[in-house]
Amino acid sequence: MQRKTGAHLWDAAEAAKLVREFAGGKTEEEFISDLVVRSAIERQLEILGEALKRLRRDDADTAARVPGLERIVGLRNVLAHEYGDIDYEILWLATTTEIPGLITILNELVDEARDATGL
């Protein structure tokens, strides 16, 4: 793995952890009605998607090990370019069902990158 790979993975993992933190203890209704929380989660999902997009560009083999990468990058594109068409129920579902498992995988890949690059 290249150093760039590790940086992209770290950025993705940190963004995913912040999504989980910002959503922690909230209901879907609280998420939808709280503009600050919703905005914070949207921003971290954008960062997550951008980091994985760059990972795909720079290290396709490692990117292929991230489940749902294409959906995450697609979500990032919607958030960045189609912001008026965001379905917050889908965003909440992704936040609460997909992010926890993704964090585990990203942490494992970050550890591998750290071992491979000696960082």
C-alpha atoms as a PDB file:
ATOM      1  CA  MET A   1       0.000   0.000   0.000  1.00  0.00           C
ATOM      2  CA  GLN A   2       1.085   3.520  -0.718  1.00  0.00           C
ATOM      3  CA  ARG A   3       1.147   6.329   1.842  1.00  0.00           C
ATOM      4  CA  LYS A   4      -1.656   8.011  -0.108  1.00  0.00           C
ATOM      5  CA  THR A   5      -3.774   4.905   0.436  1.00  0.00           C
ATOM      6  CA  GLY A   6      -3.335   5.154   4.178  1.00  0.00           C
ATOM      7  CA  ALA A   7      -4.259   8.842   4.163  1.00  0.00           C
ATOM      8  CA  HIS A   8      -7.445   8.230   2.184  1.00  0.00           C
ATOM      9  CA  LEU A   9      -8.420   5.348   4.456  1.00  0.00           C
ATOM     10  CA  TRP A  10      -7.749   7.401   7.584  1.00  0.00           C
ATOM     11  CA  ASP A  11      -9.845  10.295   6.259  1.00  0.00           C
ATOM     12  CA  ALA A  12     -12.683   7.903   5.425  1.00  0.00           C
ATOM     13  CA  ALA A  13     -12.524   6.178   8.814  1.00  0.00           C
ATOM     14  CA  GLU A  14     -12.495   9.458  10.727  1.00  0.00           C
ATOM     15  CA  ALA A  15     -15.458  10.816   8.757  1.00  0.00           C
ATOM     16  CA  ALA A  16     -17.415   7.607   9.363  1.00  0.00           C
ATOM     17  CA  LYS A  17     -16.665   7.774  13.102  1.00  0.00           C
ATOM     18  CA  LEU A  18     -17.904  11.362  13.224  1.00  0.00           C
ATOM     19  CA  VAL A  19     -21.111  10.374  11.437  1.00  0.00           C
ATOM     20  CA  ARG A  20     -21.698   7.745  14.116  1.00  0.00           C
ATOM     21  CA  GLU A  21     -20.841  10.217  16.882  1.00  0.00           C
ATOM     22  CA  PHE A  22     -23.132  12.960  15.555  1.00  0.00           C
ATOM     23  CA  ALA A  23     -26.023  10.506  15.127  1.00  0.00           C
ATOM     24  CA  GLY A  24     -25.470   8.812  18.486  1.00  0.00           C
ATOM     25  CA  GLY A  25     -28.542   8.627  20.688  1.00  0.00           C
ATOM     26  CA  LYS A  26     -30.740  10.431  18.156  1.00  0.00           C
ATOM     27  CA  THR A  27     -33.973   9.212  16.628  1.00  0.00           C
ATOM     28  CA  GLU A  28     -34.709   9.580  12.948  1.00  0.00           C
ATOM     29  CA  GLU A  29     -37.163  12.366  13.756  1.00  0.00           C
ATOM     30  CA  GLU A  30     -34.518  14.243  15.776  1.00  0.00           C
ATOM     31  CA  PHE A  31     -32.049  13.843  12.927  1.00  0.00           C
ATOM     32  CA  ILE A  32     -34.487  15.144  10.321  1.00  0.00           C
ATOM     33  CA  SER A  33     -35.601  18.112  12.418  1.00  0.00           C
ATOM     34  CA  ASP A  34     -32.134  19.170  13.665  1.00  0.00           C
ATOM     35  CA  LEU A  35     -30.489  21.208  10.919  1.00  0.00           C
ATOM     36  CA  VAL A  36     -27.135  21.376  12.709  1.00  0.00           C
ATOM     37  CA  VAL A  37     -26.862  17.595  13.216  1.00  0.00           C
ATOM     38  CA  ARG A  38     -28.167  16.884   9.740  1.00  0.00           C
ATOM     39  CA  SER A  39     -25.674  19.330   8.208  1.00  0.00           C
ATOM     40  CA  ALA A  40     -22.785  17.876  10.198  1.00  0.00           C
ATOM     41  CA  ILE A  41     -23.635  14.335   9.119  1.00  0.00           C
ATOM     42  CA  GLU A  42     -24.070  15.388   5.499  1.00  0.00           C
ATOM     43  CA  ARG A  43     -20.629  17.040   5.536  1.00  0.00           C
ATOM     44  CA  GLN A  44     -18.922  13.980   7.004  1.00  0.00           C
ATOM     45  CA  LEU A  45     -20.655  11.730   4.473  1.00  0.00           C
ATOM     46  CA  GLU A  46     -19.327  14.008   1.731  1.00  0.00           C
ATOM     47  CA  ILE A  47     -15.811  13.692   3.145  1.00  0.00           C
ATOM     48  CA  LEU A  48     -16.219   9.921   3.440  1.00  0.00           C
ATOM     49  CA  GLY A  49     -17.343   9.658  -0.173  1.00  0.00           C
ATOM     50  CA  GLU A  50     -14.577  11.917  -1.443  1.00  0.00           C
ATOM     51  CA  ALA A  51     -11.900   9.971   0.454  1.00  0.00           C
ATOM     52  CA  LEU A  52     -13.185   6.700  -1.008  1.00  0.00           C
ATOM     53  CA  LYS A  53     -13.387   8.230  -4.486  1.00  0.00           C
ATOM     54  CA  ARG A  54      -9.721   9.199  -4.191  1.00  0.00           C
ATOM     55  CA  LEU A  55      -8.862   5.755  -2.814  1.00  0.00           C
ATOM     56  CA  ARG A  56     -10.545   4.168  -5.843  1.00  0.00           C
ATOM     57  CA  ARG A  57      -8.508   6.416  -8.139  1.00  0.00           C
ATOM     58  CA  ASP A  58      -5.169   5.828  -6.382  1.00  0.00           C
ATOM     59  CA  ASP A  59      -5.457   2.200  -5.225  1.00  0.00           C
ATOM     60  CA  ALA A  60      -8.208   0.251  -6.951  1.00  0.00           C
ATOM     61  CA  ASP A  61      -7.229  -3.039  -5.284  1.00  0.00           C
ATOM     62  CA  THR A  62      -7.696  -1.664  -1.783  1.00  0.00           C
ATOM     63  CA  ALA A  63     -10.822   0.240  -2.818  1.00  0.00           C
ATOM     64  CA  ALA A  64     -12.357  -3.029  -4.023  1.00  0.00           C
ATOM     65  CA  ARG A  65     -12.182  -4.276  -0.423  1.00  0.00           C
ATOM     66  CA  VAL A  66     -14.523  -1.538   0.827  1.00  0.00           C
ATOM     67  CA  PRO A  67     -18.106  -2.817   0.678  1.00  0.00           C
ATOM     68  CA  GLY A  68     -20.580  -0.378  -0.790  1.00  0.00           C
ATOM     69  CA  LEU A  69     -17.881   1.967  -2.070  1.00  0.00           C
ATOM     70  CA  GLU A  70     -19.800   2.824  -5.240  1.00  0.00           C
ATOM     71  CA  ARG A  71     -22.966   3.632  -3.258  1.00  0.00           C
ATOM     72  CA  ILE A  72     -20.992   5.809  -0.839  1.00  0.00           C
ATOM     73  CA  VAL A  73     -19.338   7.733  -3.668  1.00  0.00           C
ATOM     74  CA  GLY A  74     -22.748   8.053  -5.322  1.00  0.00           C
ATOM     75  CA  LEU A  75     -24.206   9.431  -2.100  1.00  0.00           C
ATOM     76  CA  ARG A  76     -21.364  11.937  -1.928  1.00  0.00           C
ATOM     77  CA  ASN A  77     -22.211  13.066  -5.453  1.00  0.00           C
ATOM     78  CA  VAL A  78     -25.862  13.564  -4.540  1.00  0.00           C
ATOM     79  CA  LEU A  79     -24.921  15.536  -1.420  1.00  0.00           C
ATOM     80  CA  ALA A  80     -22.481  17.712  -3.348  1.00  0.00           C
ATOM     81  CA  HIS A  81     -24.412  18.237  -6.564  1.00  0.00           C
ATOM     82  CA  GLU A  82     -28.073  17.367  -6.025  1.00  0.00           C
ATOM     83  CA  TYR A  83     -28.448  18.796  -2.523  1.00  0.00           C
ATOM     84  CA  GLY A  84     -32.061  19.795  -3.191  1.00  0.00           C
ATOM     85  CA  ASP A  85     -33.039  16.168  -3.807  1.00  0.00           C
ATOM     86  CA  ILE A  86     -31.732  14.527  -0.630  1.00  0.00           C
ATOM     87  CA  ASP A  87     -33.968  11.827   0.847  1.00  0.00           C
ATOM     88  CA  TYR A  88     -33.283  12.142   4.583  1.00  0.00           C
ATOM     89  CA  GLU A  89     -34.869   8.798   5.379  1.00  0.00           C
ATOM     90  CA  ILE A  90     -32.292   7.094   3.134  1.00  0.00           C
ATOM     91  CA  LEU A  91     -29.530   9.214   4.653  1.00  0.00           C
ATOM     92  CA  TRP A  92     -30.615   8.166   8.147  1.00  0.00           C
ATOM     93  CA  LEU A  93     -30.790   4.510   7.127  1.00  0.00           C
ATOM     94  CA  ALA A  94     -27.264   4.672   5.714  1.00  0.00           C
ATOM     95  CA  THR A  95     -26.044   6.444   8.842  1.00  0.00           C
ATOM     96  CA  THR A  96     -27.512   3.932  11.263  1.00  0.00           C
ATOM     97  CA  THR A  97     -27.193   0.638   9.375  1.00  0.00           C
ATOM     98  CA  GLU A  98     -24.193   0.941   7.055  1.00  0.00           C
ATOM     99  CA  ILE A  99     -21.748   3.164   8.909  1.00  0.00           C
ATOM    100  CA  PRO A 100     -21.086   0.931  11.975  1.00  0.00           C
ATOM    101  CA  GLY A 101     -19.895  -2.032   9.869  1.00  0.00           C
ATOM    102  CA  LEU A 102     -18.001   0.253   7.523  1.00  0.00           C
ATOM    103  CA  ILE A 103     -16.043   1.712  10.440  1.00  0.00           C
ATOM    104  CA  THR A 104     -14.801  -1.752  11.388  1.00  0.00           C
ATOM    105  CA  ILE A 105     -13.581  -2.484   7.868  1.00  0.00           C
ATOM    106  CA  LEU A 106     -11.980   0.934   7.436  1.00  0.00           C
ATOM    107  CA  ASN A 107     -10.155   0.585  10.763  1.00  0.00           C
ATOM    108  CA  GLU A 108      -8.778  -2.780   9.662  1.00  0.00           C
ATOM    109  CA  LEU A 109      -7.600  -1.295   6.366  1.00  0.00           C
ATOM    110  CA  VAL A 110      -6.034   1.689   8.167  1.00  0.00           C
ATOM    111  CA  ASP A 111      -4.109  -0.744  10.367  1.00  0.00           C
ATOM    112  CA  GLU A 112      -2.938  -2.676   7.303  1.00  0.00           C
ATOM    113  CA  ALA A 113      -1.814   0.545   5.627  1.00  0.00           C
ATOM    114  CA  ARG A 114       0.016   1.594   8.778  1.00  0.00           C
ATOM    115  CA  ASP A 115       1.819  -1.758   8.926  1.00  0.00           C
ATOM    116  CA  ALA A 116       2.622  -1.676   5.207  1.00  0.00           C
ATOM    117  CA  THR A 117       4.024   1.856   5.208  1.00  0.00           C
ATOM    118  CA  GLY A 118       5.604   1.872   8.653  1.00  0.00           C
ATOM    119  CA  LEU A 119       3.628   4.914   9.787  1.00  0.00           C
END
